[in-house]
Amino acid sequence: MSLETIRKKVIFHNSIDVWIAACGEKNSDWKNTDKYKKFIAYLLENNLNLKAFNLCTHEAGATEEDKTKFAEILFETKDDPNSLTYTIRLNDAALDIIRNFFD
């Protein structure tokens, strides 16, 4: 699913879903938690307005085993701000920043 597709559903999304959609657009492996942490660090460095929240694994999609496992691995290092799950408003500026991470 692309970033534009999820953007049309609602304005705010959790960073894991945004990460998965962005990786899908760039044909990149989304299951790498270290790359996710670098992605979050990049978004924070670029002053994207992120709000941290606790994503329960059932919210990550209990039927989507890989996504649940990904969220659980991140939770193990929850003291690292780059391991957290954030809400992201997918406006044009945010999409540009997100897509530039992969360039």
PDB file of N, CA and C in Angstrom:
ATOM      1  N   MET A   1       0.845  -1.170   0.000  1.00  0.00           N
ATOM      2  CA  MET A   1       0.000   0.000   0.000  1.00  0.00           C
ATOM      3  C   MET A   1       0.897   1.242   0.000  1.00  0.00           C
ATOM      4  N   SER A   2       0.591   2.216  -0.810  1.00  0.00           N
ATOM      5  CA  SER A   2       1.428   3.410  -0.934  1.00  0.00           C
ATOM      6  C   SER A   2       1.103   4.436   0.141  1.00  0.00           C
ATOM      7  N   LEU A   3       1.988   5.410   0.279  1.00  0.00           N
ATOM      8  CA  LEU A   3       1.751   6.504   1.215  1.00  0.00           C
ATOM      9  C   LEU A   3       0.504   7.293   0.832  1.00  0.00           C
ATOM     10  N   GLU A   4       0.305   7.510  -0.458  1.00  0.00           N
ATOM     11  CA  GLU A   4      -0.883   8.244  -0.914  1.00  0.00           C
ATOM     12  C   GLU A   4      -2.163   7.492  -0.563  1.00  0.00           C
ATOM     13  N   THR A   5      -2.126   6.182  -0.665  1.00  0.00           N
ATOM     14  CA  THR A   5      -3.300   5.369  -0.352  1.00  0.00           C
ATOM     15  C   THR A   5      -3.659   5.482   1.124  1.00  0.00           C
ATOM     16  N   ILE A   6      -2.663   5.353   2.004  1.00  0.00           N
ATOM     17  CA  ILE A   6      -2.984   5.439   3.427  1.00  0.00           C
ATOM     18  C   ILE A   6      -3.331   6.869   3.822  1.00  0.00           C
ATOM     19  N   ARG A   7      -2.761   7.840   3.127  1.00  0.00           N
ATOM     20  CA  ARG A   7      -3.069   9.248   3.399  1.00  0.00           C
ATOM     21  C   ARG A   7      -4.547   9.544   3.155  1.00  0.00           C
ATOM     22  N   LYS A   8      -5.117   8.920   2.143  1.00  0.00           N
ATOM     23  CA  LYS A   8      -6.516   9.158   1.802  1.00  0.00           C
ATOM     24  C   LYS A   8      -7.471   8.580   2.839  1.00  0.00           C
ATOM     25  N   LYS A   9      -7.025   7.601   3.613  1.00  0.00           N
ATOM     26  CA  LYS A   9      -7.890   6.961   4.607  1.00  0.00           C
ATOM     27  C   LYS A   9      -8.138   7.877   5.799  1.00  0.00           C
ATOM     28  N   VAL A  10      -7.071   8.378   6.402  1.00  0.00           N
ATOM     29  CA  VAL A  10      -7.155   9.310   7.533  1.00  0.00           C
ATOM     30  C   VAL A  10      -5.935  10.221   7.496  1.00  0.00           C
ATOM     31  N   ILE A  11      -5.988  11.308   8.234  1.00  0.00           N
ATOM     32  CA  ILE A  11      -4.886  12.280   8.207  1.00  0.00           C
ATOM     33  C   ILE A  11      -3.681  11.795   9.005  1.00  0.00           C
ATOM     34  N   PHE A  12      -3.917  11.211  10.181  1.00  0.00           N
ATOM     35  CA  PHE A  12      -2.834  10.774  11.052  1.00  0.00           C
ATOM     36  C   PHE A  12      -2.676   9.259  10.979  1.00  0.00           C
ATOM     37  N   HIS A  13      -1.417   8.823  10.958  1.00  0.00           N
ATOM     38  CA  HIS A  13      -1.098   7.395  10.894  1.00  0.00           C
ATOM     39  C   HIS A  13       0.008   7.074  11.883  1.00  0.00           C
ATOM     40  N   ASN A  14       0.098   5.806  12.264  1.00  0.00           N
ATOM     41  CA  ASN A  14       1.213   5.438  13.133  1.00  0.00           C
ATOM     42  C   ASN A  14       2.455   5.225  12.270  1.00  0.00           C
ATOM     43  N   SER A  15       3.594   5.478  12.881  1.00  0.00           N
ATOM     44  CA  SER A  15       4.859   5.468  12.140  1.00  0.00           C
ATOM     45  C   SER A  15       5.215   4.097  11.575  1.00  0.00           C
ATOM     46  N   ILE A  16       4.743   3.021  12.174  1.00  0.00           N
ATOM     47  CA  ILE A  16       5.034   1.692  11.621  1.00  0.00           C
ATOM     48  C   ILE A  16       4.309   1.513  10.295  1.00  0.00           C
ATOM     49  N   ASP A  17       3.045   1.894  10.230  1.00  0.00           N
ATOM     50  CA  ASP A  17       2.318   1.795   8.963  1.00  0.00           C
ATOM     51  C   ASP A  17       2.919   2.709   7.899  1.00  0.00           C
ATOM     52  N   VAL A  18       3.354   3.890   8.308  1.00  0.00           N
ATOM     53  CA  VAL A  18       4.001   4.817   7.372  1.00  0.00           C
ATOM     54  C   VAL A  18       5.307   4.205   6.871  1.00  0.00           C
ATOM     55  N   TRP A  19       6.082   3.628   7.783  1.00  0.00           N
ATOM     56  CA  TRP A  19       7.339   2.971   7.430  1.00  0.00           C
ATOM     57  C   TRP A  19       7.098   1.841   6.419  1.00  0.00           C
ATOM     58  N   ILE A  20       6.108   1.011   6.675  1.00  0.00           N
ATOM     59  CA  ILE A  20       5.806  -0.110   5.779  1.00  0.00           C
ATOM     60  C   ILE A  20       5.390   0.409   4.402  1.00  0.00           C
ATOM     61  N   ALA A  21       4.551   1.435   4.367  1.00  0.00           N
ATOM     62  CA  ALA A  21       4.101   1.998   3.086  1.00  0.00           C
ATOM     63  C   ALA A  21       5.263   2.633   2.325  1.00  0.00           C
ATOM     64  N   ALA A  22       6.110   3.369   3.032  1.00  0.00           N
ATOM     65  CA  ALA A  22       7.259   4.019   2.378  1.00  0.00           C
ATOM     66  C   ALA A  22       8.230   2.968   1.832  1.00  0.00           C
ATOM     67  N   CYS A  23       8.480   1.928   2.604  1.00  0.00           N
ATOM     68  CA  CYS A  23       9.359   0.846   2.130  1.00  0.00           C
ATOM     69  C   CYS A  23       8.742   0.154   0.916  1.00  0.00           C
ATOM     70  N   GLY A  24       7.431  -0.003   0.921  1.00  0.00           N
ATOM     71  CA  GLY A  24       6.746  -0.612  -0.217  1.00  0.00           C
ATOM     72  C   GLY A  24       6.934   0.204  -1.481  1.00  0.00           C
ATOM     73  N   GLU A  25       6.869   1.521  -1.350  1.00  0.00           N
ATOM     74  CA  GLU A  25       7.082   2.391  -2.512  1.00  0.00           C
ATOM     75  C   GLU A  25       8.496   2.284  -3.057  1.00  0.00           C
ATOM     76  N   LYS A  26       9.459   2.067  -2.164  1.00  0.00           N
ATOM     77  CA  LYS A  26      10.875   2.034  -2.556  1.00  0.00           C
ATOM     78  C   LYS A  26      11.427   0.619  -2.680  1.00  0.00           C
ATOM     79  N   ASN A  27      10.553  -0.376  -2.598  1.00  0.00           N
ATOM     80  CA  ASN A  27      10.977  -1.781  -2.665  1.00  0.00           C
ATOM     81  C   ASN A  27      12.099  -2.088  -1.680  1.00  0.00           C
ATOM     82  N   SER A  28      11.924  -1.615  -0.461  1.00  0.00           N
ATOM     83  CA  SER A  28      12.908  -1.802   0.600  1.00  0.00           C
ATOM     84  C   SER A  28      12.300  -2.708   1.676  1.00  0.00           C
ATOM     85  N   ASP A  29      13.131  -3.467   2.350  1.00  0.00           N
ATOM     86  CA  ASP A  29      12.679  -4.383   3.397  1.00  0.00           C
ATOM     87  C   ASP A  29      12.255  -3.598   4.632  1.00  0.00           C
ATOM     88  N   TRP A  30      10.989  -3.689   5.012  1.00  0.00           N
ATOM     89  CA  TRP A  30      10.482  -2.935   6.157  1.00  0.00           C
ATOM     90  C   TRP A  30      10.714  -3.654   7.474  1.00  0.00           C
ATOM     91  N   LYS A  31      11.136  -4.904   7.445  1.00  0.00           N
ATOM     92  CA  LYS A  31      11.257  -5.701   8.667  1.00  0.00           C
ATOM     93  C   LYS A  31      12.540  -5.433   9.451  1.00  0.00           C
ATOM     94  N   ASN A  32      13.389  -4.576   8.949  1.00  0.00           N
ATOM     95  CA  ASN A  32      14.657  -4.259   9.597  1.00  0.00           C
ATOM     96  C   ASN A  32      14.427  -3.159  10.637  1.00  0.00           C
ATOM     97  N   THR A  33      14.447  -3.520  11.919  1.00  0.00           N
ATOM     98  CA  THR A  33      14.162  -2.548  12.972  1.00  0.00           C
ATOM     99  C   THR A  33      15.248  -1.480  13.091  1.00  0.00           C
ATOM    100  N   ASP A  34      16.479  -1.824  12.760  1.00  0.00           N
ATOM    101  CA  ASP A  34      17.552  -0.818  12.804  1.00  0.00           C
ATOM    102  C   ASP A  34      17.316   0.274  11.763  1.00  0.00           C
ATOM    103  N   LYS A  35      16.845  -0.109  10.589  1.00  0.00           N
ATOM    104  CA  LYS A  35      16.525   0.885   9.560  1.00  0.00           C
ATOM    105  C   LYS A  35      15.335   1.740   9.980  1.00  0.00           C
ATOM    106  N   TYR A  36      14.364   1.126  10.652  1.00  0.00           N
ATOM    107  CA  TYR A  36      13.224   1.891  11.169  1.00  0.00           C
ATOM    108  C   TYR A  36      13.710   2.944  12.163  1.00  0.00           C
ATOM    109  N   LYS A  37      14.623   2.569  13.053  1.00  0.00           N
ATOM    110  CA  LYS A  37      15.159   3.513  14.036  1.00  0.00           C
ATOM    111  C   LYS A  37      15.882   4.669  13.342  1.00  0.00           C
ATOM    112  N   LYS A  38      16.608   4.377  12.281  1.00  0.00           N
ATOM    113  CA  LYS A  38      17.276   5.446  11.520  1.00  0.00           C
ATOM    114  C   LYS A  38      16.248   6.341  10.838  1.00  0.00           C
ATOM    115  N   PHE A  39      15.164   5.742  10.385  1.00  0.00           N
ATOM    116  CA  PHE A  39      14.074   6.491   9.759  1.00  0.00           C
ATOM    117  C   PHE A  39      13.455   7.463  10.771  1.00  0.00           C
ATOM    118  N   ILE A  40      13.168   6.980  11.958  1.00  0.00           N
ATOM    119  CA  ILE A  40      12.584   7.835  12.992  1.00  0.00           C
ATOM    120  C   ILE A  40      13.575   8.935  13.373  1.00  0.00           C
ATOM    121  N   ALA A  41      14.839   8.595  13.543  1.00  0.00           N
ATOM    122  CA  ALA A  41      15.856   9.614  13.861  1.00  0.00           C
ATOM    123  C   ALA A  41      15.881  10.686  12.776  1.00  0.00           C
ATOM    124  N   TYR A  42      15.814  10.271  11.525  1.00  0.00           N
ATOM    125  CA  TYR A  42      15.796  11.201  10.399  1.00  0.00           C
ATOM    126  C   TYR A  42      14.572  12.120  10.464  1.00  0.00           C
ATOM    127  N   LEU A  43      13.402  11.555  10.749  1.00  0.00           N
ATOM    128  CA  LEU A  43      12.188  12.372  10.846  1.00  0.00           C
ATOM    129  C   LEU A  43      12.294  13.374  11.983  1.00  0.00           C
ATOM    130  N   LEU A  44      12.823  12.948  13.117  1.00  0.00           N
ATOM    131  CA  LEU A  44      12.988  13.850  14.249  1.00  0.00           C
ATOM    132  C   LEU A  44      14.003  14.947  13.940  1.00  0.00           C
ATOM    133  N   GLU A  45      15.102  14.586  13.288  1.00  0.00           N
ATOM    134  CA  GLU A  45      16.130  15.574  12.904  1.00  0.00           C
ATOM    135  C   GLU A  45      15.586  16.608  11.925  1.00  0.00           C
ATOM    136  N   ASN A  46      14.611  16.205  11.121  1.00  0.00           N
ATOM    137  CA  ASN A  46      14.017  17.104  10.137  1.00  0.00           C
ATOM    138  C   ASN A  46      12.771  17.812  10.678  1.00  0.00           C
ATOM    139  N   ASN A  47      12.642  17.774  12.000  1.00  0.00           N
ATOM    140  CA  ASN A  47      11.587  18.508  12.713  1.00  0.00           C
ATOM    141  C   ASN A  47      10.175  18.168  12.271  1.00  0.00           C
ATOM    142  N   LEU A  48       9.974  16.927  11.873  1.00  0.00           N
ATOM    143  CA  LEU A  48       8.620  16.492  11.567  1.00  0.00           C
ATOM    144  C   LEU A  48       7.867  16.412  12.894  1.00  0.00           C
ATOM    145  N   ASN A  49       6.668  16.907  12.923  1.00  0.00           N
ATOM    146  CA  ASN A  49       5.879  16.948  14.144  1.00  0.00           C
ATOM    147  C   ASN A  49       5.359  15.545  14.461  1.00  0.00           C
ATOM    148  N   LEU A  50       6.057  14.866  15.360  1.00  0.00           N
ATOM    149  CA  LEU A  50       5.708  13.498  15.746  1.00  0.00           C
ATOM    150  C   LEU A  50       5.229  13.478  17.189  1.00  0.00           C
ATOM    151  N   LYS A  51       4.214  12.701  17.434  1.00  0.00           N
ATOM    152  CA  LYS A  51       3.709  12.510  18.792  1.00  0.00           C
ATOM    153  C   LYS A  51       3.839  11.034  19.147  1.00  0.00           C
ATOM    154  N   ALA A  52       4.618  10.748  20.187  1.00  0.00           N
ATOM    155  CA  ALA A  52       4.818   9.361  20.608  1.00  0.00           C
ATOM    156  C   ALA A  52       3.551   8.823  21.265  1.00  0.00           C
ATOM    157  N   PHE A  53       3.296   7.545  21.033  1.00  0.00           N
ATOM    158  CA  PHE A  53       2.203   6.863  21.714  1.00  0.00           C
ATOM    159  C   PHE A  53       2.535   5.381  21.810  1.00  0.00           C
ATOM    160  N   ASN A  54       1.888   4.722  22.740  1.00  0.00           N
ATOM    161  CA  ASN A  54       2.115   3.290  22.927  1.00  0.00           C
ATOM    162  C   ASN A  54       1.238   2.511  21.961  1.00  0.00           C
ATOM    163  N   LEU A  55       1.856   1.786  21.089  1.00  0.00           N
ATOM    164  CA  LEU A  55       1.141   0.934  20.149  1.00  0.00           C
ATOM    165  C   LEU A  55       1.140  -0.478  20.705  1.00  0.00           C
ATOM    166  N   CYS A  56      -0.021  -0.939  21.082  1.00  0.00           N
ATOM    167  CA  CYS A  56      -0.138  -2.322  21.547  1.00  0.00           C
ATOM    168  C   CYS A  56       0.003  -3.237  20.339  1.00  0.00           C
ATOM    169  N   THR A  57       0.518  -4.427  20.571  1.00  0.00           N
ATOM    170  CA  THR A  57       0.729  -5.328  19.445  1.00  0.00           C
ATOM    171  C   THR A  57      -0.565  -5.687  18.752  1.00  0.00           C
ATOM    172  N   HIS A  58      -1.673  -5.712  19.480  1.00  0.00           N
ATOM    173  CA  HIS A  58      -2.935  -6.018  18.798  1.00  0.00           C
ATOM    174  C   HIS A  58      -3.347  -4.866  17.892  1.00  0.00           C
ATOM    175  N   GLU A  59      -2.902  -3.629  18.194  1.00  0.00           N
ATOM    176  CA  GLU A  59      -3.167  -2.499  17.316  1.00  0.00           C
ATOM    177  C   GLU A  59      -2.293  -2.564  16.070  1.00  0.00           C
ATOM    178  N   ALA A  60      -1.148  -3.198  16.197  1.00  0.00           N
ATOM    179  CA  ALA A  60      -0.260  -3.339  15.051  1.00  0.00           C
ATOM    180  C   ALA A  60      -0.816  -4.351  14.067  1.00  0.00           C
ATOM    181  N   GLY A  61      -1.754  -5.133  14.503  1.00  0.00           N
ATOM    182  CA  GLY A  61      -2.387  -6.098  13.613  1.00  0.00           C
ATOM    183  C   GLY A  61      -2.048  -7.510  14.007  1.00  0.00           C
ATOM    184  N   ALA A  62      -2.762  -8.047  14.978  1.00  0.00           N
ATOM    185  CA  ALA A  62      -2.456  -9.386  15.481  1.00  0.00           C
ATOM    186  C   ALA A  62      -2.525 -10.428  14.376  1.00  0.00           C
ATOM    187  N   THR A  63      -3.324 -10.187  13.344  1.00  0.00           N
ATOM    188  CA  THR A  63      -3.400 -11.140  12.254  1.00  0.00           C
ATOM    189  C   THR A  63      -2.218 -10.985  11.301  1.00  0.00           C
ATOM    190  N   GLU A  64      -1.498  -9.907  11.431  1.00  0.00           N
ATOM    191  CA  GLU A  64      -0.320  -9.686  10.603  1.00  0.00           C
ATOM    192  C   GLU A  64       0.905  -9.994  11.459  1.00  0.00           C
ATOM    193  N   GLU A  65       1.267 -11.239  11.463  1.00  0.00           N
ATOM    194  CA  GLU A  65       2.300 -11.738  12.367  1.00  0.00           C
ATOM    195  C   GLU A  65       3.622 -10.976  12.257  1.00  0.00           C
ATOM    196  N   ASP A  66       4.084 -10.679  11.056  1.00  0.00           N
ATOM    197  CA  ASP A  66       5.357  -9.984  10.895  1.00  0.00           C
ATOM    198  C   ASP A  66       5.313  -8.581  11.489  1.00  0.00           C
ATOM    199  N   LYS A  67       4.207  -7.910  11.297  1.00  0.00           N
ATOM    200  CA  LYS A  67       4.057  -6.553  11.817  1.00  0.00           C
ATOM    201  C   LYS A  67       4.006  -6.566  13.340  1.00  0.00           C
ATOM    202  N   THR A  68       3.332  -7.539  13.902  1.00  0.00           N
ATOM    203  CA  THR A  68       3.263  -7.671  15.355  1.00  0.00           C
ATOM    204  C   THR A  68       4.648  -7.953  15.924  1.00  0.00           C
ATOM    205  N   LYS A  69       5.386  -8.850  15.300  1.00  0.00           N
ATOM    206  CA  LYS A  69       6.739  -9.180  15.751  1.00  0.00           C
ATOM    207  C   LYS A  69       7.639  -7.952  15.681  1.00  0.00           C
ATOM    208  N   PHE A  70       7.518  -7.177  14.617  1.00  0.00           N
ATOM    209  CA  PHE A  70       8.286  -5.950  14.440  1.00  0.00           C
ATOM    210  C   PHE A  70       8.023  -4.991  15.603  1.00  0.00           C
ATOM    211  N   ALA A  71       6.753  -4.776  15.938  1.00  0.00           N
ATOM    212  CA  ALA A  71       6.381  -3.879  17.037  1.00  0.00           C
ATOM    213  C   ALA A  71       6.907  -4.395  18.372  1.00  0.00           C
ATOM    214  N   GLU A  72       6.882  -5.699  18.563  1.00  0.00           N
ATOM    215  CA  GLU A  72       7.378  -6.282  19.815  1.00  0.00           C
ATOM    216  C   GLU A  72       8.882  -6.103  19.952  1.00  0.00           C
ATOM    217  N   ILE A  73       9.627  -6.256  18.865  1.00  0.00           N
ATOM    218  CA  ILE A  73      11.081  -6.056  18.896  1.00  0.00           C
ATOM    219  C   ILE A  73      11.392  -4.600  19.251  1.00  0.00           C
ATOM    220  N   LEU A  74      10.665  -3.676  18.652  1.00  0.00           N
ATOM    221  CA  LEU A  74      10.871  -2.261  18.965  1.00  0.00           C
ATOM    222  C   LEU A  74      10.566  -1.973  20.429  1.00  0.00           C
ATOM    223  N   PHE A  75       9.523  -2.607  20.952  1.00  0.00           N
ATOM    224  CA  PHE A  75       9.123  -2.378  22.340  1.00  0.00           C
ATOM    225  C   PHE A  75      10.222  -2.793  23.316  1.00  0.00           C
ATOM    226  N   GLU A  76      11.037  -3.753  22.940  1.00  0.00           N
ATOM    227  CA  GLU A  76      12.118  -4.219  23.805  1.00  0.00           C
ATOM    228  C   GLU A  76      13.138  -3.114  24.079  1.00  0.00           C
ATOM    229  N   THR A  77      13.232  -2.135  23.191  1.00  0.00           N
ATOM    230  CA  THR A  77      14.175  -1.018  23.361  1.00  0.00           C
ATOM    231  C   THR A  77      13.404   0.296  23.476  1.00  0.00           C
ATOM    232  N   LYS A  78      12.307   0.263  24.214  1.00  0.00           N
ATOM    233  CA  LYS A  78      11.406   1.417  24.307  1.00  0.00           C
ATOM    234  C   LYS A  78      12.048   2.653  24.934  1.00  0.00           C
ATOM    235  N   ASP A  79      13.186   2.506  25.600  1.00  0.00           N
ATOM    236  CA  ASP A  79      13.870   3.665  26.172  1.00  0.00           C
ATOM    237  C   ASP A  79      14.572   4.492  25.101  1.00  0.00           C
ATOM    238  N   ASP A  80      14.745   3.939  23.929  1.00  0.00           N
ATOM    239  CA  ASP A  80      15.336   4.645  22.793  1.00  0.00           C
ATOM    240  C   ASP A  80      14.216   5.382  22.057  1.00  0.00           C
ATOM    241  N   PRO A  81      14.270   6.714  21.966  1.00  0.00           N
ATOM    242  CA  PRO A  81      13.192   7.455  21.286  1.00  0.00           C
ATOM    243  C   PRO A  81      13.010   7.052  19.827  1.00  0.00           C
ATOM    244  N   ASN A  82      14.031   6.470  19.241  1.00  0.00           N
ATOM    245  CA  ASN A  82      13.928   6.025  17.851  1.00  0.00           C
ATOM    246  C   ASN A  82      13.223   4.683  17.715  1.00  0.00           C
ATOM    247  N   SER A  83      12.943   4.043  18.847  1.00  0.00           N
ATOM    248  CA  SER A  83      12.220   2.764  18.843  1.00  0.00           C
ATOM    249  C   SER A  83      10.730   2.947  19.080  1.00  0.00           C
ATOM    250  N   LEU A  84      10.328   4.147  19.381  1.00  0.00           N
ATOM    251  CA  LEU A  84       8.928   4.394  19.698  1.00  0.00           C
ATOM    252  C   LEU A  84       8.067   4.428  18.443  1.00  0.00           C
ATOM    253  N   THR A  85       6.783   4.324  18.676  1.00  0.00           N
ATOM    254  CA  THR A  85       5.808   4.501  17.609  1.00  0.00           C
ATOM    255  C   THR A  85       5.231   5.898  17.763  1.00  0.00           C
ATOM    256  N   TYR A  86       5.098   6.580  16.655  1.00  0.00           N
ATOM    257  CA  TYR A  86       4.623   7.957  16.653  1.00  0.00           C
ATOM    258  C   TYR A  86       3.400   8.094  15.752  1.00  0.00           C
ATOM    259  N   THR A  87       2.642   9.142  15.991  1.00  0.00           N
ATOM    260  CA  THR A  87       1.615   9.517  15.022  1.00  0.00           C
ATOM    261  C   THR A  87       2.256  10.520  14.079  1.00  0.00           C
ATOM    262  N   ILE A  88       1.924  10.388  12.817  1.00  0.00           N
ATOM    263  CA  ILE A  88       2.460  11.263  11.778  1.00  0.00           C
ATOM    264  C   ILE A  88       1.298  11.791  10.952  1.00  0.00           C
ATOM    265  N   ARG A  89       1.261  13.096  10.788  1.00  0.00           N
ATOM    266  CA  ARG A  89       0.266  13.700   9.905  1.00  0.00           C
ATOM    267  C   ARG A  89       0.837  13.694   8.497  1.00  0.00           C
ATOM    268  N   LEU A  90       0.163  13.025   7.601  1.00  0.00           N
ATOM    269  CA  LEU A  90       0.678  12.869   6.240  1.00  0.00           C
ATOM    270  C   LEU A  90       0.231  14.024   5.337  1.00  0.00           C
ATOM    271  N   ASN A  91       0.819  15.184   5.567  1.00  0.00           N
ATOM    272  CA  ASN A  91       0.597  16.300   4.649  1.00  0.00           C
ATOM    273  C   ASN A  91       1.698  16.281   3.590  1.00  0.00           C
ATOM    274  N   ASP A  92       1.640  17.210   2.654  1.00  0.00           N
ATOM    275  CA  ASP A  92       2.620  17.215   1.557  1.00  0.00           C
ATOM    276  C   ASP A  92       4.056  17.334   2.054  1.00  0.00           C
ATOM    277  N   ALA A  93       4.286  18.228   3.026  1.00  0.00           N
ATOM    278  CA  ALA A  93       5.640  18.422   3.549  1.00  0.00           C
ATOM    279  C   ALA A  93       6.162  17.148   4.211  1.00  0.00           C
ATOM    280  N   ALA A  94       5.307  16.478   4.978  1.00  0.00           N
ATOM    281  CA  ALA A  94       5.714  15.234   5.642  1.00  0.00           C
ATOM    282  C   ALA A  94       6.039  14.152   4.620  1.00  0.00           C
ATOM    283  N   LEU A  95       5.224  14.045   3.580  1.00  0.00           N
ATOM    284  CA  LEU A  95       5.491  13.042   2.541  1.00  0.00           C
ATOM    285  C   LEU A  95       6.820  13.296   1.855  1.00  0.00           C
ATOM    286  N   ASP A  96       7.146  14.556   1.607  1.00  0.00           N
ATOM    287  CA  ASP A  96       8.435  14.889   0.990  1.00  0.00           C
ATOM    288  C   ASP A  96       9.595  14.453   1.894  1.00  0.00           C
ATOM    289  N   ILE A  97       9.499  14.758   3.180  1.00  0.00           N
ATOM    290  CA  ILE A  97      10.553  14.370   4.131  1.00  0.00           C
ATOM    291  C   ILE A  97      10.689  12.857   4.189  1.00  0.00           C
ATOM    292  N   ILE A  98       9.562  12.176   4.275  1.00  0.00           N
ATOM    293  CA  ILE A  98       9.568  10.707   4.358  1.00  0.00           C
ATOM    294  C   ILE A  98      10.212  10.098   3.122  1.00  0.00           C
ATOM    295  N   ARG A  99       9.819  10.560   1.972  1.00  0.00           N
ATOM    296  CA  ARG A  99      10.363   9.999   0.725  1.00  0.00           C
ATOM    297  C   ARG A  99      11.835  10.330   0.548  1.00  0.00           C
ATOM    298  N   ASN A 100      12.278  11.482   1.048  1.00  0.00           N
ATOM    299  CA  ASN A 100      13.685  11.858   0.930  1.00  0.00           C
ATOM    300  C   ASN A 100      14.597  10.973   1.764  1.00  0.00           C
ATOM    301  N   PHE A 101      14.053  10.315   2.766  1.00  0.00           N
ATOM    302  CA  PHE A 101      14.865   9.397   3.580  1.00  0.00           C
ATOM    303  C   PHE A 101      15.488   8.315   2.705  1.00  0.00           C
ATOM    304  N   PHE A 102      14.789   7.890   1.681  1.00  0.00           N
ATOM    305  CA  PHE A 102      15.241   6.786   0.849  1.00  0.00           C
ATOM    306  C   PHE A 102      16.169   7.213  -0.288  1.00  0.00           C
ATOM    307  N   ASP A 103      16.322   8.505  -0.457  1.00  0.00           N
ATOM    308  CA  ASP A 103      17.179   8.997  -1.559  1.00  0.00           C
ATOM    309  C   ASP A 103      18.643   9.012  -1.188  1.00  0.00           C
TER     310      ASP A 103
END
